[in-house]
C-alpha cells in the first residue's frame, strides 16, 4: 500500500483537476452541447490549465526557480500560483463564460479564489496542500452538480470523498505535508466552492 499511495499524488495532481471537472461537467450535461463544442472546450482547458503550466514549469526549472513539479517549498509556489490566477481569470472571462457554462464557470471562479488564498499563504510562508485544495474543490463541485441536476447518483460523490482521503494519506506518506497543512489545503479548497454553490445550486 505504501508503494501505491504516492501514485495518487500524480494522478490527482492539481494540474489535472480542471480537466477532470470539465469532463464530468460535459458528461453530466452531454445533451446540451454538440460533440464539436465539447472537443473545443476540452481543448481550451487542456491548453490553458495543463500545457501552459507545464511549459512554464519547465522554464522555471531551467532557470532554477523550482526544483520539483510538487513545489515543496513555499517560495517556489509563488510564481506558479500567480500564473494560475491569470489563467483562471482568462478562463472565466473569455472561455468558460457564465451564460453558456454557469456551473463550470463558478467552479473555476471558486478555484481562482482558492488559488489567491494559497498565494497569500505562501507570501506569509504558510504552506497549504495544493493537492488537497484541488481534489476537495472537485469533490464539492461534483456533489453540487449531483444535487443541482438531480442525478440521484451518490457513487461519484462517494468516490471523490474516498479519493480526497487517499490523497491526504498519499501526501502524508510522501512526507510532503503535515496534518495541519493537509487540513489547511482542504479548507481553502472547500470554502470558496461551498460559497459559490449558493449562486448556482
N, C-alpha and C. Protein backbone atom coordinates (compact mmCIF):
# COMPACT_ATOMS: atom_id res chain seq x y z
N UNK A 1 0.83 -1.21 0.00
CA UNK A 1 0.00 0.00 0.00
C UNK A 1 0.87 1.26 0.00
N UNK A 2 1.99 1.21 0.69
CA UNK A 2 2.88 2.36 0.76
C UNK A 2 3.47 2.70 -0.61
N UNK A 3 3.60 1.69 -1.46
CA UNK A 3 4.14 1.92 -2.80
C UNK A 3 3.06 2.46 -3.74
N UNK A 4 1.80 2.13 -3.45
CA UNK A 4 0.70 2.56 -4.31
C UNK A 4 0.28 3.99 -3.99
N UNK A 5 0.27 4.37 -2.71
CA UNK A 5 -0.23 5.68 -2.29
C UNK A 5 0.42 6.86 -3.03
N UNK A 6 1.76 6.89 -3.19
CA UNK A 6 2.36 8.02 -3.90
C UNK A 6 1.85 8.20 -5.33
N UNK A 7 1.36 7.12 -5.93
CA UNK A 7 0.84 7.20 -7.30
C UNK A 7 -0.33 8.18 -7.38
N UNK A 8 -1.14 8.24 -6.31
CA UNK A 8 -2.30 9.13 -6.32
C UNK A 8 -1.90 10.60 -6.29
N UNK A 9 -0.71 10.90 -5.80
CA UNK A 9 -0.24 12.29 -5.81
C UNK A 9 0.00 12.78 -7.23
N UNK A 10 0.25 11.83 -8.14
CA UNK A 10 0.47 12.19 -9.55
C UNK A 10 -0.84 12.15 -10.33
N UNK A 11 -1.66 11.12 -10.08
CA UNK A 11 -2.95 11.02 -10.77
C UNK A 11 -3.86 12.19 -10.41
N UNK A 12 -3.84 12.58 -9.13
CA UNK A 12 -4.68 13.68 -8.65
C UNK A 12 -3.86 14.94 -8.42
N UNK A 13 -2.84 15.13 -9.25
CA UNK A 13 -2.04 16.36 -9.17
C UNK A 13 -2.95 17.54 -9.52
N UNK A 14 -2.78 18.68 -8.84
CA UNK A 14 -3.65 19.85 -9.11
C UNK A 14 -3.75 20.25 -10.57
N UNK A 15 -2.72 19.99 -11.34
CA UNK A 15 -2.72 20.39 -12.75
C UNK A 15 -3.78 19.65 -13.57
N UNK A 16 -4.21 18.46 -13.09
CA UNK A 16 -5.19 17.66 -13.83
C UNK A 16 -6.63 17.88 -13.38
N UNK A 17 -6.83 18.55 -12.26
CA UNK A 17 -8.17 18.65 -11.67
C UNK A 17 -9.14 19.41 -12.57
N UNK A 18 -8.67 20.44 -13.25
CA UNK A 18 -9.55 21.22 -14.13
C UNK A 18 -10.11 20.38 -15.26
N UNK A 19 -9.27 19.53 -15.84
CA UNK A 19 -9.74 18.68 -16.94
C UNK A 19 -10.71 17.62 -16.42
N UNK A 20 -10.47 17.11 -15.20
CA UNK A 20 -11.40 16.15 -14.60
C UNK A 20 -12.76 16.79 -14.38
N UNK A 21 -12.76 18.01 -13.84
CA UNK A 21 -14.02 18.72 -13.57
C UNK A 21 -14.77 19.00 -14.88
N UNK A 22 -14.05 19.38 -15.91
CA UNK A 22 -14.66 19.69 -17.20
C UNK A 22 -15.25 18.43 -17.84
N UNK A 23 -14.52 17.34 -17.77
CA UNK A 23 -15.02 16.08 -18.32
C UNK A 23 -16.30 15.64 -17.62
N UNK A 24 -16.32 15.76 -16.30
CA UNK A 24 -17.51 15.37 -15.54
C UNK A 24 -18.68 16.28 -15.89
N UNK A 25 -18.42 17.57 -16.02
CA UNK A 25 -19.46 18.53 -16.35
C UNK A 25 -20.07 18.25 -17.73
N UNK A 26 -19.21 18.04 -18.70
CA UNK A 26 -19.68 17.77 -20.06
C UNK A 26 -20.42 16.43 -20.14
N UNK A 27 -19.98 15.47 -19.35
CA UNK A 27 -20.65 14.16 -19.31
C UNK A 27 -22.05 14.30 -18.73
N UNK A 28 -22.18 15.10 -17.66
CA UNK A 28 -23.47 15.26 -17.00
C UNK A 28 -24.46 16.06 -17.84
N UNK A 29 -23.94 17.00 -18.65
CA UNK A 29 -24.80 17.86 -19.47
C UNK A 29 -24.58 17.59 -20.96
N UNK A 30 -24.37 16.33 -21.28
CA UNK A 30 -23.98 15.94 -22.64
C UNK A 30 -25.02 16.31 -23.70
N UNK A 31 -26.30 16.35 -23.32
CA UNK A 31 -27.35 16.64 -24.30
C UNK A 31 -27.41 18.11 -24.69
N UNK A 32 -26.76 18.97 -23.92
CA UNK A 32 -26.82 20.40 -24.19
C UNK A 32 -25.74 20.88 -25.15
N UNK A 33 -24.72 20.07 -25.36
CA UNK A 33 -23.59 20.50 -26.19
C UNK A 33 -23.34 19.52 -27.32
N UNK A 34 -22.97 20.06 -28.46
CA UNK A 34 -22.59 19.21 -29.59
C UNK A 34 -21.21 18.63 -29.33
N UNK A 35 -20.87 17.56 -30.02
CA UNK A 35 -19.54 16.96 -29.87
C UNK A 35 -18.44 17.94 -30.22
N UNK A 36 -18.69 18.75 -31.24
CA UNK A 36 -17.69 19.73 -31.65
C UNK A 36 -17.42 20.74 -30.54
N UNK A 37 -18.49 21.18 -29.87
CA UNK A 37 -18.32 22.14 -28.77
C UNK A 37 -17.60 21.50 -27.59
N UNK A 38 -17.92 20.25 -27.31
CA UNK A 38 -17.25 19.54 -26.21
C UNK A 38 -15.75 19.45 -26.47
N UNK A 39 -15.37 19.07 -27.70
CA UNK A 39 -13.95 18.96 -28.04
C UNK A 39 -13.25 20.31 -27.95
N UNK A 40 -13.96 21.36 -28.37
CA UNK A 40 -13.39 22.70 -28.32
C UNK A 40 -13.14 23.14 -26.88
N UNK A 41 -14.12 22.89 -26.01
CA UNK A 41 -13.97 23.25 -24.59
C UNK A 41 -12.82 22.47 -23.96
N UNK A 42 -12.79 21.16 -24.21
CA UNK A 42 -11.72 20.33 -23.64
C UNK A 42 -10.35 20.77 -24.15
N UNK A 43 -10.28 21.15 -25.43
CA UNK A 43 -9.01 21.60 -25.99
C UNK A 43 -8.55 22.88 -25.30
N UNK A 44 -9.47 23.79 -25.06
CA UNK A 44 -9.13 25.04 -24.36
C UNK A 44 -8.61 24.75 -22.95
N UNK A 45 -9.33 23.91 -22.23
CA UNK A 45 -8.93 23.57 -20.86
C UNK A 45 -7.57 22.88 -20.86
N UNK A 46 -7.37 21.99 -21.82
CA UNK A 46 -6.10 21.26 -21.92
C UNK A 46 -4.92 22.22 -22.13
N UNK A 47 -5.11 23.18 -23.03
CA UNK A 47 -4.04 24.14 -23.32
C UNK A 47 -3.80 25.07 -22.15
N UNK A 48 -4.89 25.65 -21.62
CA UNK A 48 -4.76 26.70 -20.60
C UNK A 48 -4.34 26.17 -19.24
N UNK A 49 -4.88 25.01 -18.84
CA UNK A 49 -4.62 24.52 -17.48
C UNK A 49 -3.56 23.42 -17.39
N UNK A 50 -3.16 22.85 -18.51
CA UNK A 50 -2.14 21.80 -18.46
C UNK A 50 -0.90 22.16 -19.28
N UNK A 51 -1.09 22.44 -20.57
CA UNK A 51 0.05 22.69 -21.45
C UNK A 51 0.84 23.94 -21.04
N UNK A 52 0.14 25.05 -20.83
CA UNK A 52 0.81 26.29 -20.45
C UNK A 52 1.54 26.16 -19.11
N UNK A 53 0.89 25.64 -18.05
CA UNK A 53 1.61 25.47 -16.78
C UNK A 53 2.83 24.55 -16.89
N UNK A 54 2.73 23.48 -17.68
CA UNK A 54 3.87 22.57 -17.83
C UNK A 54 5.03 23.27 -18.52
N UNK A 55 4.74 24.00 -19.59
CA UNK A 55 5.80 24.74 -20.29
C UNK A 55 6.42 25.79 -19.37
N UNK A 56 5.57 26.45 -18.58
CA UNK A 56 6.06 27.47 -17.64
C UNK A 56 6.91 26.83 -16.55
N UNK A 57 6.49 25.64 -16.09
CA UNK A 57 7.27 24.91 -15.09
C UNK A 57 8.65 24.54 -15.62
N UNK A 58 8.70 24.07 -16.86
CA UNK A 58 9.98 23.71 -17.47
C UNK A 58 10.90 24.93 -17.56
N UNK A 59 10.31 26.08 -17.86
CA UNK A 59 11.08 27.32 -17.91
C UNK A 59 11.62 27.68 -16.53
N UNK A 60 10.76 27.58 -15.52
CA UNK A 60 11.17 27.90 -14.15
C UNK A 60 12.23 26.94 -13.64
N UNK A 61 12.09 25.67 -14.00
CA UNK A 61 13.08 24.69 -13.55
C UNK A 61 14.43 24.92 -14.22
N UNK A 62 14.40 25.29 -15.50
CA UNK A 62 15.65 25.55 -16.22
C UNK A 62 16.38 26.77 -15.67
N UNK A 63 15.62 27.69 -15.08
CA UNK A 63 16.24 28.89 -14.50
C UNK A 63 16.51 28.74 -13.00
N UNK A 64 16.16 27.57 -12.46
CA UNK A 64 16.45 27.29 -11.05
C UNK A 64 15.45 27.84 -10.06
N UNK A 65 14.29 28.30 -10.54
CA UNK A 65 13.29 28.85 -9.63
C UNK A 65 12.47 27.77 -8.93
N UNK A 66 12.34 26.61 -9.56
CA UNK A 66 11.66 25.48 -8.93
C UNK A 66 12.51 24.23 -9.14
N UNK A 67 12.33 23.27 -8.24
CA UNK A 67 13.11 22.03 -8.32
C UNK A 67 12.25 20.82 -8.68
N UNK A 68 10.99 20.85 -8.28
CA UNK A 68 10.12 19.69 -8.49
C UNK A 68 8.73 20.16 -8.86
N UNK A 69 8.02 19.32 -9.62
CA UNK A 69 6.64 19.64 -10.00
C UNK A 69 5.71 19.64 -8.80
N UNK A 70 6.15 19.08 -7.68
CA UNK A 70 5.36 19.08 -6.45
C UNK A 70 5.48 20.39 -5.67
N UNK A 71 6.42 21.26 -6.07
CA UNK A 71 6.62 22.57 -5.44
C UNK A 71 6.67 22.46 -3.91
N UNK A 72 7.69 21.78 -3.37
CA UNK A 72 7.72 21.53 -1.93
C UNK A 72 7.94 22.76 -1.06
N UNK A 73 8.61 23.79 -1.59
CA UNK A 73 8.90 24.98 -0.80
C UNK A 73 7.89 26.08 -1.10
N UNK A 74 7.54 26.86 -0.07
CA UNK A 74 6.54 27.93 -0.26
C UNK A 74 7.05 28.98 -1.25
N UNK A 75 8.33 29.27 -1.23
CA UNK A 75 8.88 30.28 -2.14
C UNK A 75 8.76 29.85 -3.60
N UNK A 76 8.82 28.54 -3.85
CA UNK A 76 8.70 28.02 -5.22
C UNK A 76 7.28 28.14 -5.76
N UNK A 77 6.33 28.28 -4.88
CA UNK A 77 4.92 28.25 -5.27
C UNK A 77 4.41 29.59 -5.79
N UNK A 78 5.07 30.66 -5.43
CA UNK A 78 4.51 31.99 -5.67
C UNK A 78 4.32 32.30 -7.15
N UNK A 79 5.35 32.11 -7.95
CA UNK A 79 5.24 32.42 -9.39
C UNK A 79 4.22 31.51 -10.07
N UNK A 80 4.27 30.17 -9.86
CA UNK A 80 3.25 29.31 -10.47
C UNK A 80 1.82 29.66 -10.04
N UNK A 81 1.64 30.06 -8.78
CA UNK A 81 0.29 30.41 -8.31
C UNK A 81 -0.20 31.71 -8.94
N UNK A 82 0.71 32.66 -9.13
CA UNK A 82 0.34 33.90 -9.82
C UNK A 82 -0.08 33.59 -11.25
N UNK A 83 0.70 32.74 -11.92
CA UNK A 83 0.34 32.32 -13.28
C UNK A 83 -1.03 31.65 -13.30
N UNK A 84 -1.27 30.77 -12.33
CA UNK A 84 -2.53 30.05 -12.26
C UNK A 84 -3.71 31.01 -12.09
N UNK A 85 -3.51 32.04 -11.30
CA UNK A 85 -4.57 33.05 -11.13
C UNK A 85 -4.92 33.71 -12.46
N UNK A 86 -3.91 34.09 -13.22
CA UNK A 86 -4.14 34.73 -14.51
C UNK A 86 -4.83 33.78 -15.49
N UNK A 87 -4.46 32.50 -15.44
CA UNK A 87 -5.08 31.52 -16.33
C UNK A 87 -6.55 31.30 -15.98
N UNK A 88 -6.86 31.26 -14.69
CA UNK A 88 -8.26 31.12 -14.27
C UNK A 88 -9.08 32.35 -14.67
N UNK A 89 -8.48 33.53 -14.53
CA UNK A 89 -9.16 34.76 -14.94
C UNK A 89 -9.46 34.72 -16.44
N UNK A 90 -8.48 34.25 -17.21
CA UNK A 90 -8.68 34.11 -18.66
C UNK A 90 -9.84 33.17 -18.97
N UNK A 91 -9.91 32.08 -18.23
CA UNK A 91 -10.98 31.10 -18.45
C UNK A 91 -12.35 31.68 -18.16
N UNK A 92 -12.51 32.30 -17.00
CA UNK A 92 -13.84 32.78 -16.61
C UNK A 92 -14.27 34.03 -17.38
N UNK A 93 -13.30 34.76 -17.93
CA UNK A 93 -13.63 35.97 -18.69
C UNK A 93 -13.86 35.69 -20.17
N UNK A 94 -13.13 34.71 -20.72
CA UNK A 94 -13.14 34.52 -22.16
C UNK A 94 -13.68 33.17 -22.64
N UNK A 95 -13.44 32.13 -21.88
CA UNK A 95 -13.78 30.78 -22.37
C UNK A 95 -15.00 30.19 -21.68
N UNK A 96 -14.89 29.97 -20.39
CA UNK A 96 -15.98 29.34 -19.64
C UNK A 96 -16.87 30.44 -19.07
N UNK A 97 -17.67 31.02 -19.95
CA UNK A 97 -18.48 32.18 -19.56
C UNK A 97 -19.75 31.72 -18.83
N UNK A 98 -20.27 32.60 -18.00
CA UNK A 98 -21.38 32.24 -17.13
C UNK A 98 -22.67 31.95 -17.89
N UNK A 99 -22.88 32.62 -19.02
CA UNK A 99 -24.13 32.43 -19.77
C UNK A 99 -24.21 31.07 -20.43
N UNK A 100 -23.06 30.51 -20.81
CA UNK A 100 -23.04 29.23 -21.52
C UNK A 100 -22.75 28.05 -20.60
N UNK A 101 -21.83 28.24 -19.67
CA UNK A 101 -21.42 27.14 -18.78
C UNK A 101 -21.48 27.62 -17.32
N UNK A 102 -22.66 27.92 -16.80
CA UNK A 102 -22.76 28.56 -15.48
C UNK A 102 -22.11 27.77 -14.34
N UNK A 103 -22.40 26.48 -14.27
CA UNK A 103 -21.85 25.69 -13.15
C UNK A 103 -20.33 25.59 -13.23
N UNK A 104 -19.82 25.33 -14.41
CA UNK A 104 -18.37 25.21 -14.59
C UNK A 104 -17.70 26.56 -14.39
N UNK A 105 -18.37 27.62 -14.78
CA UNK A 105 -17.85 28.98 -14.56
C UNK A 105 -17.60 29.22 -13.07
N UNK A 106 -18.59 28.86 -12.25
CA UNK A 106 -18.44 29.08 -10.81
C UNK A 106 -17.41 28.14 -10.20
N UNK A 107 -17.23 26.96 -10.79
CA UNK A 107 -16.16 26.07 -10.30
C UNK A 107 -14.81 26.75 -10.48
N UNK A 108 -14.57 27.29 -11.67
CA UNK A 108 -13.29 27.95 -11.93
C UNK A 108 -13.14 29.25 -11.14
N UNK A 109 -14.26 29.92 -10.90
CA UNK A 109 -14.21 31.12 -10.07
C UNK A 109 -13.82 30.76 -8.64
N UNK A 110 -14.40 29.65 -8.14
CA UNK A 110 -14.01 29.17 -6.81
C UNK A 110 -12.55 28.75 -6.77
N UNK A 111 -12.10 28.08 -7.84
CA UNK A 111 -10.70 27.67 -7.93
C UNK A 111 -9.77 28.89 -7.94
N UNK A 112 -10.21 29.98 -8.59
CA UNK A 112 -9.43 31.22 -8.60
C UNK A 112 -9.28 31.77 -7.19
N UNK A 113 -10.37 31.82 -6.45
CA UNK A 113 -10.31 32.34 -5.08
C UNK A 113 -9.45 31.45 -4.19
N UNK A 114 -9.55 30.14 -4.36
CA UNK A 114 -8.71 29.21 -3.59
C UNK A 114 -7.23 29.44 -3.90
N UNK A 115 -6.92 29.66 -5.18
CA UNK A 115 -5.54 29.90 -5.59
C UNK A 115 -5.01 31.20 -5.01
N UNK A 116 -5.85 32.23 -4.99
CA UNK A 116 -5.44 33.51 -4.40
C UNK A 116 -5.13 33.35 -2.92
N UNK A 117 -5.98 32.60 -2.22
CA UNK A 117 -5.75 32.37 -0.78
C UNK A 117 -4.46 31.59 -0.58
N UNK A 118 -4.22 30.56 -1.42
CA UNK A 118 -2.99 29.78 -1.31
C UNK A 118 -1.77 30.66 -1.59
N UNK A 119 -1.91 31.59 -2.53
CA UNK A 119 -0.82 32.51 -2.84
C UNK A 119 -0.53 33.43 -1.66
N UNK A 120 -1.58 33.95 -1.04
CA UNK A 120 -1.41 34.81 0.14
C UNK A 120 -0.72 34.04 1.26
N UNK A 121 -1.13 32.79 1.45
CA UNK A 121 -0.49 31.94 2.46
C UNK A 121 1.00 31.78 2.18
N UNK A 122 1.36 31.56 0.91
CA UNK A 122 2.77 31.37 0.55
C UNK A 122 3.58 32.64 0.80
N UNK A 123 2.96 33.79 0.63
CA UNK A 123 3.65 35.06 0.89
C UNK A 123 4.01 35.20 2.37
N UNK A 124 3.18 34.59 3.22
CA UNK A 124 3.44 34.61 4.66
C UNK A 124 4.15 33.33 5.13
N UNK A 125 4.69 32.60 4.14
CA UNK A 125 5.43 31.35 4.40
C UNK A 125 4.58 30.30 5.09
N UNK A 126 3.29 30.30 4.78
CA UNK A 126 2.37 29.28 5.29
C UNK A 126 2.11 28.30 4.16
N UNK A 127 2.39 27.06 4.41
CA UNK A 127 2.28 26.03 3.37
C UNK A 127 0.96 25.28 3.51
N UNK A 128 0.18 25.30 2.44
CA UNK A 128 -1.07 24.54 2.39
C UNK A 128 -0.95 23.50 1.29
N UNK A 129 -1.57 22.36 1.47
CA UNK A 129 -1.51 21.29 0.47
C UNK A 129 -2.33 21.68 -0.76
N UNK A 130 -1.64 21.88 -1.89
CA UNK A 130 -2.33 22.22 -3.13
C UNK A 130 -3.09 21.02 -3.68
N UNK A 131 -2.60 19.82 -3.37
CA UNK A 131 -3.31 18.61 -3.77
C UNK A 131 -4.68 18.55 -3.10
N UNK A 132 -4.69 18.81 -1.80
CA UNK A 132 -5.97 18.77 -1.07
C UNK A 132 -6.88 19.90 -1.50
N UNK A 133 -6.30 21.05 -1.76
CA UNK A 133 -7.07 22.18 -2.27
C UNK A 133 -7.80 21.79 -3.55
N UNK A 134 -7.07 21.18 -4.46
CA UNK A 134 -7.63 20.85 -5.77
C UNK A 134 -8.67 19.73 -5.71
N UNK A 135 -8.33 18.64 -5.05
CA UNK A 135 -9.24 17.48 -5.05
C UNK A 135 -10.49 17.76 -4.22
N UNK A 136 -10.37 18.56 -3.17
CA UNK A 136 -11.55 18.91 -2.38
C UNK A 136 -12.46 19.86 -3.16
N UNK A 137 -11.87 20.75 -3.96
CA UNK A 137 -12.67 21.63 -4.82
C UNK A 137 -13.48 20.80 -5.81
N UNK A 138 -12.83 19.83 -6.41
CA UNK A 138 -13.50 18.95 -7.36
C UNK A 138 -14.62 18.17 -6.68
N UNK A 139 -14.37 17.69 -5.48
CA UNK A 139 -15.37 16.91 -4.74
C UNK A 139 -16.62 17.74 -4.47
N UNK A 140 -16.46 18.96 -4.00
CA UNK A 140 -17.60 19.82 -3.72
C UNK A 140 -18.36 20.15 -5.00
N UNK A 141 -17.62 20.39 -6.08
CA UNK A 141 -18.25 20.69 -7.37
C UNK A 141 -19.11 19.51 -7.85
N UNK A 142 -18.59 18.32 -7.74
CA UNK A 142 -19.33 17.12 -8.18
C UNK A 142 -20.56 16.89 -7.30
N UNK A 143 -20.41 17.08 -6.00
CA UNK A 143 -21.56 16.93 -5.09
C UNK A 143 -22.63 17.97 -5.44
N UNK A 144 -22.20 19.20 -5.66
CA UNK A 144 -23.14 20.26 -6.02
C UNK A 144 -23.84 20.00 -7.33
N UNK A 145 -23.08 19.54 -8.31
CA UNK A 145 -23.66 19.25 -9.63
C UNK A 145 -24.66 18.09 -9.54
N UNK A 146 -24.33 17.13 -8.71
CA UNK A 146 -25.22 15.99 -8.48
C UNK A 146 -26.56 16.45 -7.93
N UNK A 147 -26.51 17.38 -6.98
CA UNK A 147 -27.74 17.92 -6.38
C UNK A 147 -28.48 18.80 -7.38
N UNK A 148 -27.73 19.66 -8.06
CA UNK A 148 -28.32 20.64 -8.99
C UNK A 148 -29.06 19.97 -10.15
N UNK A 149 -28.47 18.92 -10.68
CA UNK A 149 -29.06 18.22 -11.82
C UNK A 149 -29.98 17.08 -11.40
N UNK A 150 -30.12 16.91 -10.07
CA UNK A 150 -30.98 15.86 -9.50
C UNK A 150 -30.63 14.50 -10.11
N UNK A 151 -29.34 14.20 -10.11
CA UNK A 151 -28.86 12.95 -10.71
C UNK A 151 -29.19 11.74 -9.86
N UNK A 152 -29.31 11.96 -8.55
CA UNK A 152 -29.59 10.87 -7.62
C UNK A 152 -28.61 9.71 -7.80
N UNK A 153 -27.37 10.10 -7.98
CA UNK A 153 -26.29 9.12 -8.14
C UNK A 153 -25.18 9.45 -7.14
N UNK A 154 -25.17 8.76 -5.99
CA UNK A 154 -24.19 9.09 -4.95
C UNK A 154 -22.81 8.52 -5.19
N UNK A 155 -22.66 7.70 -6.22
CA UNK A 155 -21.40 6.97 -6.39
C UNK A 155 -20.21 7.87 -6.71
N UNK A 156 -20.41 8.85 -7.60
CA UNK A 156 -19.31 9.76 -7.93
C UNK A 156 -18.89 10.58 -6.72
N UNK A 157 -19.87 11.05 -5.97
CA UNK A 157 -19.57 11.85 -4.78
C UNK A 157 -18.81 11.01 -3.75
N UNK A 158 -19.30 9.79 -3.53
CA UNK A 158 -18.65 8.90 -2.57
C UNK A 158 -17.23 8.55 -3.04
N UNK A 159 -17.08 8.34 -4.34
CA UNK A 159 -15.77 8.02 -4.89
C UNK A 159 -14.78 9.16 -4.67
N UNK A 160 -15.23 10.39 -4.88
CA UNK A 160 -14.32 11.53 -4.73
C UNK A 160 -14.02 11.83 -3.26
N UNK A 161 -14.98 11.58 -2.38
CA UNK A 161 -14.69 11.71 -0.94
C UNK A 161 -13.60 10.71 -0.56
N UNK A 162 -13.71 9.49 -1.10
CA UNK A 162 -12.68 8.47 -0.87
C UNK A 162 -11.34 8.92 -1.43
N UNK A 163 -11.35 9.48 -2.65
CA UNK A 163 -10.12 9.95 -3.28
C UNK A 163 -9.48 11.09 -2.50
N UNK A 164 -10.33 11.92 -1.89
CA UNK A 164 -9.81 13.01 -1.05
C UNK A 164 -9.03 12.44 0.13
N UNK A 165 -9.61 11.41 0.76
CA UNK A 165 -8.91 10.75 1.88
C UNK A 165 -7.64 10.06 1.45
N UNK A 166 -7.68 9.41 0.29
CA UNK A 166 -6.49 8.72 -0.22
C UNK A 166 -5.40 9.72 -0.58
N UNK A 167 -5.81 10.86 -1.16
CA UNK A 167 -4.84 11.91 -1.50
C UNK A 167 -4.16 12.44 -0.25
N UNK A 168 -4.94 12.65 0.79
CA UNK A 168 -4.37 13.11 2.07
C UNK A 168 -3.37 12.09 2.61
N UNK A 169 -3.75 10.81 2.54
CA UNK A 169 -2.84 9.75 3.00
C UNK A 169 -1.58 9.70 2.16
N UNK A 170 -1.74 9.92 0.85
CA UNK A 170 -0.61 9.91 -0.07
C UNK A 170 0.38 11.02 0.26
N UNK A 171 -0.13 12.21 0.51
CA UNK A 171 0.75 13.35 0.82
C UNK A 171 1.45 13.15 2.15
N UNK A 172 0.75 12.54 3.10
CA UNK A 172 1.37 12.26 4.40
C UNK A 172 2.41 11.16 4.27
N UNK A 173 2.10 10.13 3.47
CA UNK A 173 3.03 9.03 3.25
C UNK A 173 4.31 9.51 2.59
N UNK A 174 4.19 10.46 1.67
CA UNK A 174 5.36 11.01 0.98
C UNK A 174 6.07 12.06 1.82
N UNK A 175 5.51 12.35 3.00
CA UNK A 175 6.06 13.35 3.91
C UNK A 175 6.19 14.72 3.24
N UNK A 176 5.22 14.99 2.38
CA UNK A 176 5.20 16.28 1.69
C UNK A 176 4.50 17.34 2.53
N UNK A 177 3.65 16.89 3.46
CA UNK A 177 2.88 17.82 4.28
C UNK A 177 2.68 17.28 5.69
N UNK A 178 2.41 18.19 6.58
CA UNK A 178 1.99 17.83 7.93
C UNK A 178 0.46 17.73 7.93
N UNK A 179 -0.13 17.11 8.93
CA UNK A 179 -1.61 17.08 9.01
C UNK A 179 -2.23 18.48 8.99
N UNK A 180 -1.55 19.45 9.60
CA UNK A 180 -2.06 20.82 9.62
C UNK A 180 -2.12 21.40 8.21
N UNK A 181 -1.09 21.15 7.41
CA UNK A 181 -1.06 21.64 6.03
C UNK A 181 -2.10 20.96 5.16
N UNK A 182 -2.33 19.67 5.44
CA UNK A 182 -3.39 18.93 4.73
C UNK A 182 -4.75 19.55 5.03
N UNK A 183 -5.01 19.79 6.30
CA UNK A 183 -6.30 20.36 6.72
C UNK A 183 -6.49 21.77 6.15
N UNK A 184 -5.41 22.56 6.15
CA UNK A 184 -5.48 23.93 5.62
C UNK A 184 -5.82 23.91 4.12
N UNK A 185 -5.18 23.02 3.39
CA UNK A 185 -5.47 22.88 1.96
C UNK A 185 -6.92 22.47 1.73
N UNK A 186 -7.42 21.57 2.57
CA UNK A 186 -8.81 21.13 2.47
C UNK A 186 -9.78 22.29 2.67
N UNK A 187 -9.54 23.09 3.68
CA UNK A 187 -10.41 24.23 3.98
C UNK A 187 -10.37 25.26 2.86
N UNK A 188 -9.17 25.54 2.36
CA UNK A 188 -9.02 26.54 1.28
C UNK A 188 -9.71 26.07 0.01
N UNK A 189 -9.71 24.78 -0.23
CA UNK A 189 -10.37 24.24 -1.41
C UNK A 189 -11.88 24.20 -1.28
N UNK A 190 -12.36 23.85 -0.10
CA UNK A 190 -13.80 23.64 0.11
C UNK A 190 -14.58 24.95 0.22
N UNK A 191 -14.07 25.91 1.00
CA UNK A 191 -14.86 27.10 1.33
C UNK A 191 -15.31 27.92 0.13
N UNK A 192 -14.44 28.29 -0.82
CA UNK A 192 -14.93 29.06 -1.98
C UNK A 192 -15.98 28.30 -2.80
N UNK A 193 -15.77 26.99 -2.97
CA UNK A 193 -16.73 26.21 -3.74
C UNK A 193 -18.09 26.17 -3.04
N UNK A 194 -18.09 26.01 -1.73
CA UNK A 194 -19.35 25.98 -0.97
C UNK A 194 -20.06 27.32 -1.05
N UNK A 195 -19.30 28.42 -0.95
CA UNK A 195 -19.90 29.76 -1.02
C UNK A 195 -20.50 30.01 -2.39
N UNK A 196 -19.83 29.58 -3.45
CA UNK A 196 -20.36 29.80 -4.79
C UNK A 196 -21.51 28.86 -5.13
N UNK A 197 -21.63 27.78 -4.38
CA UNK A 197 -22.78 26.87 -4.59
C UNK A 197 -24.09 27.61 -4.45
N UNK A 198 -24.14 28.58 -3.54
CA UNK A 198 -25.37 29.31 -3.29
C UNK A 198 -25.79 30.16 -4.50
N UNK A 199 -24.86 30.40 -5.41
CA UNK A 199 -25.17 31.21 -6.60
C UNK A 199 -25.70 30.40 -7.76
N UNK A 200 -25.44 29.08 -7.75
CA UNK A 200 -25.92 28.29 -8.87
C UNK A 200 -26.69 27.02 -8.50
N UNK A 201 -26.67 26.66 -7.23
CA UNK A 201 -27.34 25.42 -6.84
C UNK A 201 -28.86 25.56 -6.93
